Amino acid sequence: MKKRVYLTYPKDQVKEPLLYQVCKKFDVVTNIRQASVSDKIGLVALELDGESEEIEKAIQYFIDKGVKVEPIELDIIE
């Protein structure tokens, strides 16, 4: 299963390696489709590939770290 989301990092999380941590903690493959990062905010269009349960855990991890997660387009890509 693939899912595309927009991630909006708050200022205090911009320098944290959250994508790396998600790949290590959960069985998902991340694919950055687009990104814009500054010292104040990070915007990432991310594709997550893996089992539905692992994708949901990864998304919840981002949310728990203060990252805003929003679906892209139709959300699911098969």
PDB file of N, CA and C in Angstrom:
ATOM      1  N   MET A   1       0.844  -1.172   0.000  1.00  0.00           N
ATOM      2  CA  MET A   1       0.000   0.000   0.000  1.00  0.00           C
ATOM      3  C   MET A   1       0.892   1.239   0.000  1.00  0.00           C
ATOM      4  N   LYS A   2       0.448   2.265  -0.715  1.00  0.00           N
ATOM      5  CA  LYS A   2       1.149   3.548  -0.715  1.00  0.00           C
ATOM      6  C   LYS A   2       0.200   4.642  -0.270  1.00  0.00           C
ATOM      7  N   LYS A   3       0.749   5.579   0.485  1.00  0.00           N
ATOM      8  CA  LYS A   3      -0.043   6.702   0.955  1.00  0.00           C
ATOM      9  C   LYS A   3       0.809   7.950   0.823  1.00  0.00           C
ATOM     10  N   ARG A   4       0.220   9.029   0.317  1.00  0.00           N
ATOM     11  CA  ARG A   4       0.921  10.304   0.179  1.00  0.00           C
ATOM     12  C   ARG A   4       0.367  11.312   1.167  1.00  0.00           C
ATOM     13  N   VAL A   5       1.281  12.008   1.840  1.00  0.00           N
ATOM     14  CA  VAL A   5       0.878  13.004   2.831  1.00  0.00           C
ATOM     15  C   VAL A   5       1.786  14.229   2.733  1.00  0.00           C
ATOM     16  N   TYR A   6       1.243  15.353   3.180  1.00  0.00           N
ATOM     17  CA  TYR A   6       2.043  16.557   3.387  1.00  0.00           C
ATOM     18  C   TYR A   6       2.429  16.595   4.857  1.00  0.00           C
ATOM     19  N   LEU A   7       3.700  16.852   5.118  1.00  0.00           N
ATOM     20  CA  LEU A   7       4.173  17.030   6.483  1.00  0.00           C
ATOM     21  C   LEU A   7       4.572  18.489   6.663  1.00  0.00           C
ATOM     22  N   THR A   8       4.096  19.110   7.722  1.00  0.00           N
ATOM     23  CA  THR A   8       4.494  20.473   8.060  1.00  0.00           C
ATOM     24  C   THR A   8       5.191  20.416   9.414  1.00  0.00           C
ATOM     25  N   TYR A   9       6.505  20.604   9.367  1.00  0.00           N
ATOM     26  CA  TYR A   9       7.318  20.551  10.582  1.00  0.00           C
ATOM     27  C   TYR A   9       7.286  21.900  11.289  1.00  0.00           C
ATOM     28  N   PRO A  10       7.065  21.919  12.595  1.00  0.00           N
ATOM     29  CA  PRO A  10       7.181  23.171  13.338  1.00  0.00           C
ATOM     30  C   PRO A  10       8.659  23.535  13.508  1.00  0.00           C
ATOM     31  N   LYS A  11       8.909  24.771  13.871  1.00  0.00           N
ATOM     32  CA  LYS A  11      10.282  25.282  13.991  1.00  0.00           C
ATOM     33  C   LYS A  11      11.170  24.392  14.858  1.00  0.00           C
ATOM     34  N   ASP A  12      10.647  23.900  15.970  1.00  0.00           N
ATOM     35  CA  ASP A  12      11.473  23.106  16.893  1.00  0.00           C
ATOM     36  C   ASP A  12      11.784  21.698  16.399  1.00  0.00           C
ATOM     37  N   GLN A  13      11.162  21.257  15.311  1.00  0.00           N
ATOM     38  CA  GLN A  13      11.402  19.920  14.777  1.00  0.00           C
ATOM     39  C   GLN A  13      12.125  19.916  13.426  1.00  0.00           C
ATOM     40  N   VAL A  14      12.374  21.079  12.853  1.00  0.00           N
ATOM     41  CA  VAL A  14      12.950  21.169  11.506  1.00  0.00           C
ATOM     42  C   VAL A  14      14.291  20.443  11.405  1.00  0.00           C
ATOM     43  N   LYS A  15      15.110  20.529  12.424  1.00  0.00           N
ATOM     44  CA  LYS A  15      16.449  19.931  12.363  1.00  0.00           C
ATOM     45  C   LYS A  15      16.499  18.485  12.853  1.00  0.00           C
ATOM     46  N   GLU A  16      15.373  17.941  13.279  1.00  0.00           N
ATOM     47  CA  GLU A  16      15.329  16.561  13.764  1.00  0.00           C
ATOM     48  C   GLU A  16      15.247  15.581  12.594  1.00  0.00           C
ATOM     49  N   PRO A  17      15.939  14.444  12.666  1.00  0.00           N
ATOM     50  CA  PRO A  17      15.929  13.454  11.572  1.00  0.00           C
ATOM     51  C   PRO A  17      14.711  12.518  11.656  1.00  0.00           C
ATOM     52  N   LEU A  18      13.516  13.088  11.584  1.00  0.00           N
ATOM     53  CA  LEU A  18      12.300  12.296  11.778  1.00  0.00           C
ATOM     54  C   LEU A  18      12.072  11.263  10.678  1.00  0.00           C
ATOM     55  N   LEU A  19      12.399  11.585   9.438  1.00  0.00           N
ATOM     56  CA  LEU A  19      12.231  10.602   8.357  1.00  0.00           C
ATOM     57  C   LEU A  19      13.142   9.402   8.584  1.00  0.00           C
ATOM     58  N   TYR A  20      14.357   9.658   8.978  1.00  0.00           N
ATOM     59  CA  TYR A  20      15.292   8.580   9.285  1.00  0.00           C
ATOM     60  C   TYR A  20      14.742   7.712  10.419  1.00  0.00           C
ATOM     61  N   GLN A  21      14.254   8.351  11.463  1.00  0.00           N
ATOM     62  CA  GLN A  21      13.720   7.620  12.609  1.00  0.00           C
ATOM     63  C   GLN A  21      12.507   6.770  12.231  1.00  0.00           C
ATOM     64  N   VAL A  22      11.642   7.300  11.384  1.00  0.00           N
ATOM     65  CA  VAL A  22      10.472   6.545  10.935  1.00  0.00           C
ATOM     66  C   VAL A  22      10.904   5.289  10.170  1.00  0.00           C
ATOM     67  N   CYS A  23      11.903   5.417   9.309  1.00  0.00           N
ATOM     68  CA  CYS A  23      12.394   4.261   8.541  1.00  0.00           C
ATOM     69  C   CYS A  23      13.001   3.202   9.461  1.00  0.00           C
ATOM     70  N   LYS A  24      13.640   3.625  10.533  1.00  0.00           N
ATOM     71  CA  LYS A  24      14.251   2.689  11.475  1.00  0.00           C
ATOM     72  C   LYS A  24      13.216   2.020  12.386  1.00  0.00           C
ATOM     73  N   LYS A  25      12.212   2.779  12.827  1.00  0.00           N
ATOM     74  CA  LYS A  25      11.237   2.281  13.793  1.00  0.00           C
ATOM     75  C   LYS A  25      10.115   1.445  13.160  1.00  0.00           C
ATOM     76  N   PHE A  26       9.768   1.774  11.915  1.00  0.00           N
ATOM     77  CA  PHE A  26       8.617   1.128  11.276  1.00  0.00           C
ATOM     78  C   PHE A  26       9.032   0.529   9.936  1.00  0.00           C
ATOM     79  N   ASP A  27       8.316  -0.484   9.527  1.00  0.00           N
ATOM     80  CA  ASP A  27       8.624  -1.171   8.269  1.00  0.00           C
ATOM     81  C   ASP A  27       7.941  -0.448   7.108  1.00  0.00           C
ATOM     82  N   VAL A  28       8.455   0.758   6.813  1.00  0.00           N
ATOM     83  CA  VAL A  28       7.928   1.563   5.701  1.00  0.00           C
ATOM     84  C   VAL A  28       9.095   2.088   4.872  1.00  0.00           C
ATOM     85  N   VAL A  29       8.803   2.336   3.620  1.00  0.00           N
ATOM     86  CA  VAL A  29       9.756   2.979   2.721  1.00  0.00           C
ATOM     87  C   VAL A  29       9.251   4.394   2.488  1.00  0.00           C
ATOM     88  N   THR A  30      10.131   5.383   2.678  1.00  0.00           N
ATOM     89  CA  THR A  30       9.727   6.768   2.461  1.00  0.00           C
ATOM     90  C   THR A  30      10.303   7.269   1.144  1.00  0.00           C
ATOM     91  N   ASN A  31       9.527   8.074   0.447  1.00  0.00           N
ATOM     92  CA  ASN A  31       9.948   8.664  -0.819  1.00  0.00           C
ATOM     93  C   ASN A  31       9.544  10.141  -0.783  1.00  0.00           C
ATOM     94  N   ILE A  32      10.535  11.012  -0.696  1.00  0.00           N
ATOM     95  CA  ILE A  32      10.251  12.444  -0.673  1.00  0.00           C
ATOM     96  C   ILE A  32       9.912  12.889  -2.087  1.00  0.00           C
ATOM     97  N   ARG A  33       8.711  13.389  -2.269  1.00  0.00           N
ATOM     98  CA  ARG A  33       8.247  13.821  -3.588  1.00  0.00           C
ATOM     99  C   ARG A  33       8.539  15.297  -3.834  1.00  0.00           C
ATOM    100  N   GLN A  34       8.571  16.072  -2.750  1.00  0.00           N
ATOM    101  CA  GLN A  34       8.837  17.505  -2.836  1.00  0.00           C
ATOM    102  C   GLN A  34       9.136  17.984  -1.423  1.00  0.00           C
ATOM    103  N   ALA A  35      10.011  18.984  -1.300  1.00  0.00           N
ATOM    104  CA  ALA A  35      10.324  19.506   0.030  1.00  0.00           C
ATOM    105  C   ALA A  35      10.792  20.948  -0.055  1.00  0.00           C
ATOM    106  N   SER A  36      10.502  21.686   1.005  1.00  0.00           N
ATOM    107  CA  SER A  36      10.978  23.047   1.180  1.00  0.00           C
ATOM    108  C   SER A  36      11.258  23.210   2.665  1.00  0.00           C
ATOM    109  N   VAL A  37      12.529  23.472   2.986  1.00  0.00           N
ATOM    110  CA  VAL A  37      12.925  23.539   4.389  1.00  0.00           C
ATOM    111  C   VAL A  37      13.696  24.827   4.651  1.00  0.00           C
ATOM    112  N   SER A  38      13.346  25.495   5.746  1.00  0.00           N
ATOM    113  CA  SER A  38      14.087  26.676   6.186  1.00  0.00           C
ATOM    114  C   SER A  38      14.342  26.512   7.682  1.00  0.00           C
ATOM    115  N   ASP A  39      14.914  27.522   8.297  1.00  0.00           N
ATOM    116  CA  ASP A  39      15.143  27.475   9.741  1.00  0.00           C
ATOM    117  C   ASP A  39      13.845  27.552  10.532  1.00  0.00           C
ATOM    118  N   LYS A  40      12.780  28.033   9.897  1.00  0.00           N
ATOM    119  CA  LYS A  40      11.529  28.276  10.614  1.00  0.00           C
ATOM    120  C   LYS A  40      10.446  27.234  10.373  1.00  0.00           C
ATOM    121  N   ILE A  41      10.483  26.571   9.212  1.00  0.00           N
ATOM    122  CA  ILE A  41       9.427  25.607   8.892  1.00  0.00           C
ATOM    123  C   ILE A  41       9.942  24.601   7.860  1.00  0.00           C
ATOM    124  N   GLY A  42       9.391  23.408   7.912  1.00  0.00           N
ATOM    125  CA  GLY A  42       9.708  22.395   6.923  1.00  0.00           C
ATOM    126  C   GLY A  42       8.427  21.883   6.310  1.00  0.00           C
ATOM    127  N   LEU A  43       8.363  21.850   4.977  1.00  0.00           N
ATOM    128  CA  LEU A  43       7.210  21.322   4.254  1.00  0.00           C
ATOM    129  C   LEU A  43       7.697  20.165   3.389  1.00  0.00           C
ATOM    130  N   VAL A  44       7.077  18.992   3.561  1.00  0.00           N
ATOM    131  CA  VAL A  44       7.511  17.813   2.818  1.00  0.00           C
ATOM    132  C   VAL A  44       6.296  17.098   2.247  1.00  0.00           C
ATOM    133  N   ALA A  45       6.348  16.787   0.957  1.00  0.00           N
ATOM    134  CA  ALA A  45       5.355  15.910   0.340  1.00  0.00           C
ATOM    135  C   ALA A  45       5.990  14.527   0.355  1.00  0.00           C
ATOM    136  N   LEU A  46       5.404  13.613   1.107  1.00  0.00           N
ATOM    137  CA  LEU A  46       6.016  12.314   1.361  1.00  0.00           C
ATOM    138  C   LEU A  46       5.114  11.181   0.926  1.00  0.00           C
ATOM    139  N   GLU A  47       5.723  10.182   0.292  1.00  0.00           N
ATOM    140  CA  GLU A  47       5.019   8.949  -0.050  1.00  0.00           C
ATOM    141  C   GLU A  47       5.507   7.861   0.893  1.00  0.00           C
ATOM    142  N   LEU A  48       4.587   7.185   1.540  1.00  0.00           N
ATOM    143  CA  LEU A  48       4.903   6.075   2.435  1.00  0.00           C
ATOM    144  C   LEU A  48       4.440   4.786   1.786  1.00  0.00           C
ATOM    145  N   ASP A  49       5.308   3.786   1.761  1.00  0.00           N
ATOM    146  CA  ASP A  49       4.996   2.498   1.143  1.00  0.00           C
ATOM    147  C   ASP A  49       5.199   1.408   2.191  1.00  0.00           C
ATOM    148  N   GLY A  50       4.197   0.562   2.363  1.00  0.00           N
ATOM    149  CA  GLY A  50       4.291  -0.533   3.323  1.00  0.00           C
ATOM    150  C   GLY A  50       2.909  -1.045   3.691  1.00  0.00           C
ATOM    151  N   GLU A  51       2.879  -1.876   4.721  1.00  0.00           N
ATOM    152  CA  GLU A  51       1.604  -2.387   5.212  1.00  0.00           C
ATOM    153  C   GLU A  51       0.812  -1.234   5.840  1.00  0.00           C
ATOM    154  N   SER A  52      -0.495  -1.292   5.712  1.00  0.00           N
ATOM    155  CA  SER A  52      -1.367  -0.236   6.216  1.00  0.00           C
ATOM    156  C   SER A  52      -1.108   0.072   7.685  1.00  0.00           C
ATOM    157  N   GLU A  53      -0.956  -0.955   8.502  1.00  0.00           N
ATOM    158  CA  GLU A  53      -0.741  -0.767   9.942  1.00  0.00           C
ATOM    159  C   GLU A  53       0.579  -0.033  10.211  1.00  0.00           C
ATOM    160  N   GLU A  54       1.626  -0.367   9.480  1.00  0.00           N
ATOM    161  CA  GLU A  54       2.926   0.279   9.662  1.00  0.00           C
ATOM    162  C   GLU A  54       2.878   1.741   9.206  1.00  0.00           C
ATOM    163  N   ILE A  55       2.160   2.001   8.120  1.00  0.00           N
ATOM    164  CA  ILE A  55       2.004   3.378   7.643  1.00  0.00           C
ATOM    165  C   ILE A  55       1.285   4.215   8.696  1.00  0.00           C
ATOM    166  N   GLU A  56       0.231   3.664   9.264  1.00  0.00           N
ATOM    167  CA  GLU A  56      -0.518   4.397  10.295  1.00  0.00           C
ATOM    168  C   GLU A  56       0.337   4.657  11.535  1.00  0.00           C
ATOM    169  N   LYS A  57       1.168   3.706  11.919  1.00  0.00           N
ATOM    170  CA  LYS A  57       2.076   3.911  13.051  1.00  0.00           C
ATOM    171  C   LYS A  57       3.076   5.022  12.746  1.00  0.00           C
ATOM    172  N   ALA A  58       3.586   5.031  11.518  1.00  0.00           N
ATOM    173  CA  ALA A  58       4.545   6.067  11.114  1.00  0.00           C
ATOM    174  C   ALA A  58       3.884   7.447  11.147  1.00  0.00           C
ATOM    175  N   ILE A  59       2.668   7.541  10.634  1.00  0.00           N
ATOM    176  CA  ILE A  59       1.937   8.810  10.646  1.00  0.00           C
ATOM    177  C   ILE A  59       1.688   9.269  12.080  1.00  0.00           C
ATOM    178  N   GLN A  60       1.313   8.343  12.938  1.00  0.00           N
ATOM    179  CA  GLN A  60       1.071   8.700  14.339  1.00  0.00           C
ATOM    180  C   GLN A  60       2.361   9.178  15.002  1.00  0.00           C
ATOM    181  N   TYR A  61       3.490   8.606  14.636  1.00  0.00           N
ATOM    182  CA  TYR A  61       4.783   9.033  15.164  1.00  0.00           C
ATOM    183  C   TYR A  61       5.039  10.497  14.809  1.00  0.00           C
ATOM    184  N   PHE A  62       4.803  10.847  13.537  1.00  0.00           N
ATOM    185  CA  PHE A  62       4.966  12.244  13.126  1.00  0.00           C
ATOM    186  C   PHE A  62       4.062  13.164  13.950  1.00  0.00           C
ATOM    187  N   ILE A  63       2.810  12.774  14.100  1.00  0.00           N
ATOM    188  CA  ILE A  63       1.850  13.584  14.856  1.00  0.00           C
ATOM    189  C   ILE A  63       2.312  13.750  16.306  1.00  0.00           C
ATOM    190  N   ASP A  64       2.769  12.663  16.906  1.00  0.00           N
ATOM    191  CA  ASP A  64       3.249  12.713  18.292  1.00  0.00           C
ATOM    192  C   ASP A  64       4.458  13.642  18.445  1.00  0.00           C
ATOM    193  N   LYS A  65       5.224  13.828  17.380  1.00  0.00           N
ATOM    194  CA  LYS A  65       6.390  14.714  17.402  1.00  0.00           C
ATOM    195  C   LYS A  65       6.019  16.160  17.077  1.00  0.00           C
ATOM    196  N   GLY A  66       4.722  16.427  16.849  1.00  0.00           N
ATOM    197  CA  GLY A  66       4.279  17.796  16.595  1.00  0.00           C
ATOM    198  C   GLY A  66       4.217  18.184  15.129  1.00  0.00           C
ATOM    199  N   VAL A  67       4.365  17.212  14.241  1.00  0.00           N
ATOM    200  CA  VAL A  67       4.306  17.470  12.806  1.00  0.00           C
ATOM    201  C   VAL A  67       2.856  17.381  12.347  1.00  0.00           C
ATOM    202  N   LYS A  68       2.419  18.360  11.565  1.00  0.00           N
ATOM    203  CA  LYS A  68       1.061  18.342  11.006  1.00  0.00           C
ATOM    204  C   LYS A  68       1.066  17.431   9.794  1.00  0.00           C
ATOM    205  N   VAL A  69       0.136  16.485   9.733  1.00  0.00           N
ATOM    206  CA  VAL A  69       0.056  15.514   8.642  1.00  0.00           C
ATOM    207  C   VAL A  69      -1.282  15.696   7.929  1.00  0.00           C
ATOM    208  N   GLU A  70      -1.208  15.911   6.600  1.00  0.00           N
ATOM    209  CA  GLU A  70      -2.419  16.076   5.795  1.00  0.00           C
ATOM    210  C   GLU A  70      -2.335  15.181   4.560  1.00  0.00           C
ATOM    211  N   PRO A  71      -3.441  14.549   4.161  1.00  0.00           N
ATOM    212  CA  PRO A  71      -3.420  13.696   2.966  1.00  0.00           C
ATOM    213  C   PRO A  71      -3.241  14.509   1.687  1.00  0.00           C
ATOM    214  N   ILE A  72      -2.650  13.885   0.689  1.00  0.00           N
ATOM    215  CA  ILE A  72      -2.486  14.483  -0.640  1.00  0.00           C
ATOM    216  C   ILE A  72      -3.463  13.814  -1.588  1.00  0.00           C
ATOM    217  N   GLU A  73      -4.117  14.612  -2.407  1.00  0.00           N
ATOM    218  CA  GLU A  73      -4.991  14.134  -3.490  1.00  0.00           C
ATOM    219  C   GLU A  73      -5.981  13.088  -3.004  1.00  0.00           C
ATOM    220  N   LEU A  74      -5.998  11.940  -3.692  1.00  0.00           N
ATOM    221  CA  LEU A  74      -6.893  10.863  -3.336  1.00  0.00           C
ATOM    222  C   LEU A  74      -6.343  10.036  -2.185  1.00  0.00           C
ATOM    223  N   ASP A  75      -5.107  10.328  -1.759  1.00  0.00           N
ATOM    224  CA  ASP A  75      -4.502   9.708  -0.602  1.00  0.00           C
ATOM    225  C   ASP A  75      -3.929   8.330  -0.881  1.00  0.00           C
ATOM    226  N   ILE A  76      -4.688   7.425  -1.468  1.00  0.00           N
ATOM    227  CA  ILE A  76      -4.233   6.045  -1.659  1.00  0.00           C
ATOM    228  C   ILE A  76      -3.768   5.850  -3.098  1.00  0.00           C
ATOM    229  N   ILE A  77      -2.633   5.201  -3.245  1.00  0.00           N
ATOM    230  CA  ILE A  77      -2.098   4.910  -4.580  1.00  0.00           C
ATOM    231  C   ILE A  77      -1.865   3.401  -4.637  1.00  0.00           C
ATOM    232  N   GLU A  78      -2.454   2.738  -5.585  1.00  0.00           N
ATOM    233  CA  GLU A  78      -2.288   1.276  -5.688  1.00  0.00           C
ATOM    234  C   GLU A  78      -1.588   0.934  -6.979  1.00  0.00           C
TER     235      GLU A  78
END
